[in-house]
Amino acid sequence: MTSALIPEDLNGQRQSASASVTLNVLTMNMHMGFGFLNKRFILPELRDAVRSVSADIVFLQEVHGEHQDHAQNVKNWPTTSQYEFLADSMWKDFAYGRNAVYPHGHHGNALLSKYPILRHENLDISIHGTEERGLLHCVLDVPHFGELHAVCVHLGLKEVHRQQQLKLLADLVGRLPADAPVIVAGDFNDWRQKADDVLNPAGLREVFVESFGAPAKSFPARFPLLRLDRIYVRNAHIRSPRVMSNRPWSHLSDHAPLAVEVTL
């Protein structure tokens, strides 16, 4: 993959660029490509909706990498992985973190990017072998700026598990360079709104809390009541966070997507 040209010092190390860059960010739990209550396969419609947002970076949770039974029995099942099908020609780079593996396939988190992904790793944060979960950490090369860290998150359903997983996320962010811009987004399942207690000390700010005083209501998508999904930033400015709860989004998953503009 080619990278944007960033100045180097005498030791060949990349210097940070000072240009300001604004990115459109979208996060969504896509429910394996099935609509509310799993009644209808809607991946082609979901691709059209995601493309209409023109997001620069898309954070996806519950993405099938492979499902042999669905490939044989579900009409219009793609011949590629779901994340490759969604990326198509609009997002030239993508990364996938496999979390749950079963006899007929696997699923996990994915990130679609209009910018080169320099490297990525998937951190297994499953607790005691239940509810396979992961943190997909990607390093992006943003032209005229430099490196951006993006972490796609899907946390467990139990509070005791989430607290341990949040600590692992805070530890990951804490290991990054102090001046590095970071975007963390995904399905936190944090209906008790405890995540900030762990993540704020790591320098992360939740974009809806910063703008409106509380996380976004994102579940269930048709009548959002619970505040499960999040977008956090560090060393970045945000503008216009919004919940995509109208049609067609309300019928494309059980979670409403979240979107925000992020300026580095």
C-alpha atoms as a PDB file:
ATOM      1  CA  MET A   1       0.000   0.000   0.000  1.00  0.00           C
ATOM      2  CA  THR A   2       1.190   3.478  -0.756  1.00  0.00           C
ATOM      3  CA  SER A   3       1.390   6.122   1.966  1.00  0.00           C
ATOM      4  CA  ALA A   4       1.099   9.867   1.877  1.00  0.00           C
ATOM      5  CA  LEU A   5       4.425  11.673   1.868  1.00  0.00           C
ATOM      6  CA  ILE A   6       5.262  12.862   5.371  1.00  0.00           C
ATOM      7  CA  PRO A   7       8.536  14.695   6.121  1.00  0.00           C
ATOM      8  CA  GLU A   8      11.325  12.680   7.736  1.00  0.00           C
ATOM      9  CA  ASP A   9      13.984  13.805  10.156  1.00  0.00           C
ATOM     10  CA  LEU A  10      17.691  12.991   9.843  1.00  0.00           C
ATOM     11  CA  ASN A  11      17.135   9.591  11.468  1.00  0.00           C
ATOM     12  CA  GLY A  12      14.487   8.652   8.925  1.00  0.00           C
ATOM     13  CA  GLN A  13      11.681   9.014  11.465  1.00  0.00           C
ATOM     14  CA  ARG A  14       8.393  10.465  10.285  1.00  0.00           C
ATOM     15  CA  GLN A  15       7.636  13.918  11.560  1.00  0.00           C
ATOM     16  CA  SER A  16       4.080  14.918  12.414  1.00  0.00           C
ATOM     17  CA  ALA A  17       2.395  17.162   9.886  1.00  0.00           C
ATOM     18  CA  SER A  18       0.512  20.235  11.085  1.00  0.00           C
ATOM     19  CA  ALA A  19      -2.292  20.341   8.509  1.00  0.00           C
ATOM     20  CA  SER A  20      -5.875  20.142   9.779  1.00  0.00           C
ATOM     21  CA  VAL A  21      -7.943  17.303   8.322  1.00  0.00           C
ATOM     22  CA  THR A  22     -11.666  16.611   8.862  1.00  0.00           C
ATOM     23  CA  LEU A  23     -12.993  13.053   8.639  1.00  0.00           C
ATOM     24  CA  ASN A  24     -16.532  11.705   8.491  1.00  0.00           C
ATOM     25  CA  VAL A  25     -16.893   8.751  10.861  1.00  0.00           C
ATOM     26  CA  LEU A  26     -19.678   6.158  11.040  1.00  0.00           C
ATOM     27  CA  THR A  27     -20.110   3.253  13.470  1.00  0.00           C
ATOM     28  CA  MET A  28     -22.720   0.504  13.312  1.00  0.00           C
ATOM     29  CA  ASN A  29     -23.520  -2.902  14.729  1.00  0.00           C
ATOM     30  CA  MET A  30     -24.748  -4.445  11.484  1.00  0.00           C
ATOM     31  CA  HIS A  31     -26.450  -7.495  13.022  1.00  0.00           C
ATOM     32  CA  MET A  32     -24.778  -9.964  10.623  1.00  0.00           C
ATOM     33  CA  GLY A  33     -26.473  -8.296   7.644  1.00  0.00           C
ATOM     34  CA  PHE A  34     -30.000  -9.127   8.793  1.00  0.00           C
ATOM     35  CA  GLY A  35     -32.744  -6.678   9.663  1.00  0.00           C
ATOM     36  CA  PHE A  36     -34.604  -6.316  12.936  1.00  0.00           C
ATOM     37  CA  LEU A  37     -35.538  -9.716  14.479  1.00  0.00           C
ATOM     38  CA  ASN A  38     -33.466 -11.504  11.795  1.00  0.00           C
ATOM     39  CA  LYS A  39     -36.423 -11.700   9.439  1.00  0.00           C
ATOM     40  CA  ARG A  40     -34.800 -10.355   6.287  1.00  0.00           C
ATOM     41  CA  PHE A  41     -31.318 -10.340   4.732  1.00  0.00           C
ATOM     42  CA  ILE A  42     -30.611  -6.693   3.972  1.00  0.00           C
ATOM     43  CA  LEU A  43     -26.878  -6.511   3.254  1.00  0.00           C
ATOM     44  CA  PRO A  44     -27.279  -5.034  -0.280  1.00  0.00           C
ATOM     45  CA  GLU A  45     -29.585  -2.320   1.114  1.00  0.00           C
ATOM     46  CA  LEU A  46     -27.166  -1.713   3.952  1.00  0.00           C
ATOM     47  CA  ARG A  47     -24.326  -1.200   1.484  1.00  0.00           C
ATOM     48  CA  ASP A  48     -26.360   1.431  -0.379  1.00  0.00           C
ATOM     49  CA  ALA A  49     -27.158   3.232   2.877  1.00  0.00           C
ATOM     50  CA  VAL A  50     -23.559   3.204   4.103  1.00  0.00           C
ATOM     51  CA  ARG A  51     -22.317   4.476   0.754  1.00  0.00           C
ATOM     52  CA  SER A  52     -24.810   7.366   0.892  1.00  0.00           C
ATOM     53  CA  VAL A  53     -23.120   8.721   4.038  1.00  0.00           C
ATOM     54  CA  SER A  54     -19.729   8.986   2.287  1.00  0.00           C
ATOM     55  CA  ALA A  55     -17.937   8.246   5.549  1.00  0.00           C
ATOM     56  CA  ASP A  56     -14.156   8.225   5.428  1.00  0.00           C
ATOM     57  CA  ILE A  57     -13.920   5.582   8.162  1.00  0.00           C
ATOM     58  CA  VAL A  58     -16.604   2.996   8.977  1.00  0.00           C
ATOM     59  CA  PHE A  59     -16.488   0.988  12.214  1.00  0.00           C
ATOM     60  CA  LEU A  60     -18.537  -2.227  11.952  1.00  0.00           C
ATOM     61  CA  GLN A  61     -19.487  -4.816  14.554  1.00  0.00           C
ATOM     62  CA  GLU A  62     -21.106  -8.256  14.106  1.00  0.00           C
ATOM     63  CA  VAL A  63     -19.699  -8.748  10.608  1.00  0.00           C
ATOM     64  CA  HIS A  64     -19.599 -12.201   9.021  1.00  0.00           C
ATOM     65  CA  GLY A  65     -16.224 -13.136   7.616  1.00  0.00           C
ATOM     66  CA  GLU A  66     -17.678 -16.448   6.485  1.00  0.00           C
ATOM     67  CA  HIS A  67     -20.908 -18.414   6.930  1.00  0.00           C
ATOM     68  CA  GLN A  68     -21.177 -21.580   4.855  1.00  0.00           C
ATOM     69  CA  ASP A  69     -24.809 -22.326   5.706  1.00  0.00           C
ATOM     70  CA  HIS A  70     -26.001 -18.834   4.787  1.00  0.00           C
ATOM     71  CA  ALA A  71     -23.932 -18.932   1.601  1.00  0.00           C
ATOM     72  CA  GLN A  72     -25.960 -21.948   0.483  1.00  0.00           C
ATOM     73  CA  ASN A  73     -29.383 -20.960   1.787  1.00  0.00           C
ATOM     74  CA  VAL A  74     -29.713 -17.163   1.829  1.00  0.00           C
ATOM     75  CA  LYS A  75     -30.633 -15.400  -1.407  1.00  0.00           C
ATOM     76  CA  ASN A  76     -28.135 -12.721  -2.520  1.00  0.00           C
ATOM     77  CA  TRP A  77     -25.483 -13.873  -0.046  1.00  0.00           C
ATOM     78  CA  PRO A  78     -22.204 -12.319  -1.310  1.00  0.00           C
ATOM     79  CA  THR A  79     -19.420 -14.439  -2.755  1.00  0.00           C
ATOM     80  CA  THR A  80     -16.912 -12.447  -0.682  1.00  0.00           C
ATOM     81  CA  SER A  81     -16.844 -11.647   3.028  1.00  0.00           C
ATOM     82  CA  GLN A  82     -19.443  -9.158   4.225  1.00  0.00           C
ATOM     83  CA  TYR A  83     -16.829  -6.481   4.908  1.00  0.00           C
ATOM     84  CA  GLU A  84     -15.348  -6.840   1.411  1.00  0.00           C
ATOM     85  CA  PHE A  85     -18.839  -6.651  -0.071  1.00  0.00           C
ATOM     86  CA  LEU A  86     -19.518  -3.430   1.835  1.00  0.00           C
ATOM     87  CA  ALA A  87     -16.128  -1.913   1.016  1.00  0.00           C
ATOM     88  CA  ASP A  88     -16.549  -2.593  -2.716  1.00  0.00           C
ATOM     89  CA  SER A  89     -14.813   0.206  -4.634  1.00  0.00           C
ATOM     90  CA  MET A  90     -15.557   3.017  -2.164  1.00  0.00           C
ATOM     91  CA  TRP A  91     -13.242   2.038   0.705  1.00  0.00           C
ATOM     92  CA  LYS A  92      -9.974   0.831  -0.748  1.00  0.00           C
ATOM     93  CA  ASP A  93      -8.615  -0.483   2.540  1.00  0.00           C
ATOM     94  CA  PHE A  94     -10.276  -2.670   5.149  1.00  0.00           C
ATOM     95  CA  ALA A  95      -9.334  -4.768   8.149  1.00  0.00           C
ATOM     96  CA  TYR A  96     -11.142  -7.586   9.923  1.00  0.00           C
ATOM     97  CA  GLY A  97     -10.792  -8.954  13.436  1.00  0.00           C
ATOM     98  CA  ARG A  98     -12.244 -12.454  13.850  1.00  0.00           C
ATOM     99  CA  ASN A  99     -13.827 -12.841  17.284  1.00  0.00           C
ATOM    100  CA  ALA A 100     -16.321 -15.721  17.268  1.00  0.00           C
ATOM    101  CA  VAL A 101     -15.541 -18.981  15.407  1.00  0.00           C
ATOM    102  CA  TYR A 102     -18.022 -21.817  14.875  1.00  0.00           C
ATOM    103  CA  PRO A 103     -18.205 -24.870  12.562  1.00  0.00           C
ATOM    104  CA  HIS A 104     -19.890 -23.020   9.676  1.00  0.00           C
ATOM    105  CA  GLY A 105     -17.990 -19.733   9.847  1.00  0.00           C
ATOM    106  CA  HIS A 106     -16.946 -16.767  11.958  1.00  0.00           C
ATOM    107  CA  HIS A 107     -17.751 -13.129  12.698  1.00  0.00           C
ATOM    108  CA  GLY A 108     -16.112 -10.140  14.322  1.00  0.00           C
ATOM    109  CA  ASN A 109     -15.339  -6.440  13.895  1.00  0.00           C
ATOM    110  CA  ALA A 110     -14.287  -4.684  10.696  1.00  0.00           C
ATOM    111  CA  LEU A 111     -13.013  -1.283   9.679  1.00  0.00           C
ATOM    112  CA  LEU A 112     -13.420   0.274   6.220  1.00  0.00           C
ATOM    113  CA  SER A 113     -11.107   3.155   5.345  1.00  0.00           C
ATOM    114  CA  LYS A 114     -10.580   5.552   2.460  1.00  0.00           C
ATOM    115  CA  TYR A 115      -7.041   5.942   3.781  1.00  0.00           C
ATOM    116  CA  PRO A 116      -4.262   3.344   3.753  1.00  0.00           C
ATOM    117  CA  ILE A 117      -4.236   1.014   6.734  1.00  0.00           C
ATOM    118  CA  LEU A 118      -0.560   0.726   7.647  1.00  0.00           C
ATOM    119  CA  ARG A 119      -1.031  -2.095  10.131  1.00  0.00           C
ATOM    120  CA  HIS A 120      -3.698  -3.666  12.299  1.00  0.00           C
ATOM    121  CA  GLU A 121      -4.100  -6.171  15.113  1.00  0.00           C
ATOM    122  CA  ASN A 122      -7.058  -7.833  16.806  1.00  0.00           C
ATOM    123  CA  LEU A 123      -6.897  -8.007  20.594  1.00  0.00           C
ATOM    124  CA  ASP A 124      -8.905 -10.850  22.121  1.00  0.00           C
ATOM    125  CA  ILE A 125     -10.749  -9.472  25.161  1.00  0.00           C
ATOM    126  CA  SER A 126     -13.033 -12.453  25.759  1.00  0.00           C
ATOM    127  CA  ILE A 127     -13.506 -13.180  29.456  1.00  0.00           C
ATOM    128  CA  HIS A 128     -13.334 -16.816  30.616  1.00  0.00           C
ATOM    129  CA  GLY A 129     -14.087 -18.097  27.127  1.00  0.00           C
ATOM    130  CA  THR A 130     -17.622 -16.681  26.989  1.00  0.00           C
ATOM    131  CA  GLU A 131     -19.017 -14.087  24.561  1.00  0.00           C
ATOM    132  CA  GLU A 132     -16.060 -13.857  22.221  1.00  0.00           C
ATOM    133  CA  ARG A 133     -15.171 -10.165  21.938  1.00  0.00           C
ATOM    134  CA  GLY A 134     -12.326  -8.155  20.445  1.00  0.00           C
ATOM    135  CA  LEU A 135     -10.694  -4.791  19.893  1.00  0.00           C
ATOM    136  CA  LEU A 136      -9.640  -4.207  16.278  1.00  0.00           C
ATOM    137  CA  HIS A 137      -6.800  -1.672  16.391  1.00  0.00           C
ATOM    138  CA  CYS A 138      -5.826  -0.086  13.058  1.00  0.00           C
ATOM    139  CA  VAL A 139      -3.199   2.536  12.253  1.00  0.00           C
ATOM    140  CA  LEU A 140      -4.228   4.713   9.294  1.00  0.00           C
ATOM    141  CA  ASP A 141      -2.080   6.961   7.154  1.00  0.00           C
ATOM    142  CA  VAL A 142      -4.102  10.158   6.652  1.00  0.00           C
ATOM    143  CA  PRO A 143      -2.731  12.226   3.742  1.00  0.00           C
ATOM    144  CA  HIS A 144      -1.272  15.627   4.697  1.00  0.00           C
ATOM    145  CA  PHE A 145      -1.516  14.684   8.377  1.00  0.00           C
ATOM    146  CA  GLY A 146       0.121  11.423   9.429  1.00  0.00           C
ATOM    147  CA  GLU A 147      -0.919   8.466  11.549  1.00  0.00           C
ATOM    148  CA  LEU A 148      -4.342   8.020  13.116  1.00  0.00           C
ATOM    149  CA  HIS A 149      -5.228   5.208  15.524  1.00  0.00           C
ATOM    150  CA  ALA A 150      -8.713   3.717  15.102  1.00  0.00           C
ATOM    151  CA  VAL A 151     -10.097   1.058  17.457  1.00  0.00           C
ATOM    152  CA  CYS A 152     -13.317  -0.823  16.649  1.00  0.00           C
ATOM    153  CA  VAL A 153     -14.978  -2.139  19.813  1.00  0.00           C
ATOM    154  CA  HIS A 154     -17.576  -4.738  20.754  1.00  0.00           C
ATOM    155  CA  LEU A 155     -17.902  -5.361  24.488  1.00  0.00           C
ATOM    156  CA  GLY A 156     -19.717  -8.051  26.456  1.00  0.00           C
ATOM    157  CA  LEU A 157     -23.264  -8.158  27.790  1.00  0.00           C
ATOM    158  CA  LYS A 158     -22.323  -8.642  31.448  1.00  0.00           C
ATOM    159  CA  GLU A 159     -21.250  -5.653  33.502  1.00  0.00           C
ATOM    160  CA  VAL A 160     -18.416  -7.494  35.236  1.00  0.00           C
ATOM    161  CA  HIS A 161     -17.007  -8.518  31.843  1.00  0.00           C
ATOM    162  CA  ARG A 162     -17.385  -5.012  30.400  1.00  0.00           C
ATOM    163  CA  GLN A 163     -15.438  -3.494  33.267  1.00  0.00           C
ATOM    164  CA  GLN A 164     -12.498  -5.801  32.583  1.00  0.00           C
ATOM    165  CA  GLN A 165     -12.748  -5.147  28.846  1.00  0.00           C
ATOM    166  CA  LEU A 166     -12.884  -1.375  29.355  1.00  0.00           C
ATOM    167  CA  LYS A 167      -9.696  -1.623  31.404  1.00  0.00           C
ATOM    168  CA  LEU A 168      -8.023  -3.513  28.541  1.00  0.00           C
ATOM    169  CA  LEU A 169      -9.187  -0.801  26.120  1.00  0.00           C
ATOM    170  CA  ALA A 170      -7.847   1.951  28.404  1.00  0.00           C
ATOM    171  CA  ASP A 171      -4.538   0.081  28.666  1.00  0.00           C
ATOM    172  CA  LEU A 172      -4.323  -0.150  24.861  1.00  0.00           C
ATOM    173  CA  VAL A 173      -4.929   3.582  24.461  1.00  0.00           C
ATOM    174  CA  GLY A 174      -2.463   4.300  27.245  1.00  0.00           C
ATOM    175  CA  ARG A 175       0.295   2.516  25.329  1.00  0.00           C
ATOM    176  CA  LEU A 176      -0.127   4.787  22.301  1.00  0.00           C
ATOM    177  CA  PRO A 177       1.986   7.947  21.885  1.00  0.00           C
ATOM    178  CA  ALA A 178       0.560  10.692  24.102  1.00  0.00           C
ATOM    179  CA  ASP A 179       0.075  13.088  21.171  1.00  0.00           C
ATOM    180  CA  ALA A 180      -1.417  10.509  18.779  1.00  0.00           C
ATOM    181  CA  PRO A 181      -4.975  11.171  17.544  1.00  0.00           C
ATOM    182  CA  VAL A 182      -7.305   8.301  18.443  1.00  0.00           C
ATOM    183  CA  ILE A 183     -10.876   7.373  17.481  1.00  0.00           C
ATOM    184  CA  VAL A 184     -12.584   4.541  19.371  1.00  0.00           C
ATOM    185  CA  ALA A 185     -16.056   3.485  18.252  1.00  0.00           C
ATOM    186  CA  GLY A 186     -18.452   0.600  18.426  1.00  0.00           C
ATOM    187  CA  ASP A 187     -21.006  -1.317  20.446  1.00  0.00           C
ATOM    188  CA  PHE A 188     -20.119  -0.930  24.128  1.00  0.00           C
ATOM    189  CA  ASN A 189     -23.341  -2.523  25.460  1.00  0.00           C
ATOM    190  CA  ASP A 190     -22.928   0.098  28.182  1.00  0.00           C
ATOM    191  CA  TRP A 191     -26.568   0.597  29.150  1.00  0.00           C
ATOM    192  CA  ARG A 192     -25.508   1.538  32.700  1.00  0.00           C
ATOM    193  CA  GLN A 193     -23.250   4.329  31.334  1.00  0.00           C
ATOM    194  CA  LYS A 194     -20.114   3.294  33.237  1.00  0.00           C
ATOM    195  CA  ALA A 195     -17.587   3.479  30.390  1.00  0.00           C
ATOM    196  CA  ASP A 196     -16.546   7.094  30.946  1.00  0.00           C
ATOM    197  CA  ASP A 197     -15.358   6.270  34.469  1.00  0.00           C
ATOM    198  CA  VAL A 198     -12.668   4.051  32.932  1.00  0.00           C
ATOM    199  CA  LEU A 199     -11.975   5.774  29.620  1.00  0.00           C
ATOM    200  CA  ASN A 200     -11.902   9.457  30.580  1.00  0.00           C
ATOM    201  CA  PRO A 201      -8.711   8.988  32.645  1.00  0.00           C
ATOM    202  CA  ALA A 202      -7.113   7.580  29.457  1.00  0.00           C
ATOM    203  CA  GLY A 203      -7.857  10.900  27.724  1.00  0.00           C
ATOM    204  CA  LEU A 204     -10.859   9.675  25.718  1.00  0.00           C
ATOM    205  CA  ARG A 205     -13.908  11.941  25.319  1.00  0.00           C
ATOM    206  CA  GLU A 206     -17.273  10.603  24.180  1.00  0.00           C
ATOM    207  CA  VAL A 207     -18.614  12.802  21.387  1.00  0.00           C
ATOM    208  CA  PHE A 208     -22.309  12.770  22.379  1.00  0.00           C
ATOM    209  CA  VAL A 209     -21.508  13.354  26.039  1.00  0.00           C
ATOM    210  CA  GLU A 210     -19.339  16.308  25.038  1.00  0.00           C
ATOM    211  CA  SER A 211     -22.037  17.766  22.777  1.00  0.00           C
ATOM    212  CA  PHE A 212     -25.291  16.844  24.552  1.00  0.00           C
ATOM    213  CA  GLY A 213     -24.358  15.714  28.063  1.00  0.00           C
ATOM    214  CA  ALA A 214     -25.220  12.024  27.594  1.00  0.00           C
ATOM    215  CA  PRO A 215     -24.415   9.133  25.246  1.00  0.00           C
ATOM    216  CA  ALA A 216     -26.690   8.608  22.254  1.00  0.00           C
ATOM    217  CA  LYS A 217     -29.788   6.431  22.422  1.00  0.00           C
ATOM    218  CA  SER A 218     -29.128   3.782  19.778  1.00  0.00           C
ATOM    219  CA  PHE A 219     -31.056   0.610  20.682  1.00  0.00           C
ATOM    220  CA  PRO A 220     -33.441  -0.696  19.515  1.00  0.00           C
ATOM    221  CA  ALA A 221     -33.053   1.062  16.189  1.00  0.00           C
ATOM    222  CA  ARG A 222     -36.774   1.620  15.543  1.00  0.00           C
ATOM    223  CA  PHE A 223     -37.443   3.141  18.979  1.00  0.00           C
ATOM    224  CA  PRO A 224     -34.043   3.960  20.518  1.00  0.00           C
ATOM    225  CA  LEU A 225     -34.129   3.849  24.315  1.00  0.00           C
ATOM    226  CA  LEU A 226     -30.819   2.378  25.470  1.00  0.00           C
ATOM    227  CA  ARG A 227     -27.447   4.127  25.161  1.00  0.00           C
ATOM    228  CA  LEU A 228     -25.313   1.206  23.955  1.00  0.00           C
ATOM    229  CA  ASP A 229     -23.057   2.597  21.225  1.00  0.00           C
ATOM    230  CA  ARG A 230     -20.235   5.109  21.564  1.00  0.00           C
ATOM    231  CA  ILE A 231     -17.687   7.212  19.673  1.00  0.00           C
ATOM    232  CA  TYR A 232     -14.662   8.415  21.661  1.00  0.00           C
ATOM    233  CA  VAL A 233     -11.819  10.659  20.518  1.00  0.00           C
ATOM    234  CA  ARG A 234      -8.457  11.776  21.852  1.00  0.00           C
ATOM    235  CA  ASN A 235      -6.359  14.637  20.473  1.00  0.00           C
ATOM    236  CA  ALA A 236      -9.145  15.549  18.049  1.00  0.00           C
ATOM    237  CA  HIS A 237     -12.054  17.980  17.726  1.00  0.00           C
ATOM    238  CA  ILE A 238     -15.603  16.900  16.942  1.00  0.00           C
ATOM    239  CA  ARG A 239     -18.640  18.428  15.274  1.00  0.00           C
ATOM    240  CA  SER A 240     -22.231  17.421  14.513  1.00  0.00           C
ATOM    241  CA  PRO A 241     -22.588  14.028  16.209  1.00  0.00           C
ATOM    242  CA  ARG A 242     -25.871  12.436  15.157  1.00  0.00           C
ATOM    243  CA  VAL A 243     -27.916   9.256  15.516  1.00  0.00           C
ATOM    244  CA  MET A 244     -29.060   7.702  12.228  1.00  0.00           C
ATOM    245  CA  SER A 245     -32.436   6.472  13.502  1.00  0.00           C
ATOM    246  CA  ASN A 246     -34.674   7.394  10.568  1.00  0.00           C
ATOM    247  CA  ARG A 247     -35.410   5.260   7.522  1.00  0.00           C
ATOM    248  CA  PRO A 248     -33.752   3.333   6.009  1.00  0.00           C
ATOM    249  CA  TRP A 249     -31.439   2.888   9.023  1.00  0.00           C
ATOM    250  CA  SER A 250     -34.224   1.964  11.426  1.00  0.00           C
ATOM    251  CA  HIS A 251     -34.924  -1.147   9.348  1.00  0.00           C
ATOM    252  CA  LEU A 252     -31.352  -2.208   8.570  1.00  0.00           C
ATOM    253  CA  SER A 253     -30.192  -3.411  11.989  1.00  0.00           C
ATOM    254  CA  ASP A 254     -31.235  -3.626  15.627  1.00  0.00           C
ATOM    255  CA  HIS A 255     -28.785  -0.777  16.426  1.00  0.00           C
ATOM    256  CA  ALA A 256     -29.022   2.753  15.004  1.00  0.00           C
ATOM    257  CA  PRO A 257     -25.687   3.918  13.529  1.00  0.00           C
ATOM    258  CA  LEU A 258     -23.805   6.898  14.981  1.00  0.00           C
ATOM    259  CA  ALA A 259     -21.958   9.496  12.899  1.00  0.00           C
ATOM    260  CA  VAL A 260     -19.671  12.455  13.643  1.00  0.00           C
ATOM    261  CA  GLU A 261     -17.193  14.794  11.974  1.00  0.00           C
ATOM    262  CA  VAL A 262     -13.702  14.538  13.493  1.00  0.00           C
ATOM    263  CA  THR A 263     -11.002  17.146  12.886  1.00  0.00           C
ATOM    264  CA  LEU A 264      -7.388  16.154  13.501  1.00  0.00           C
END
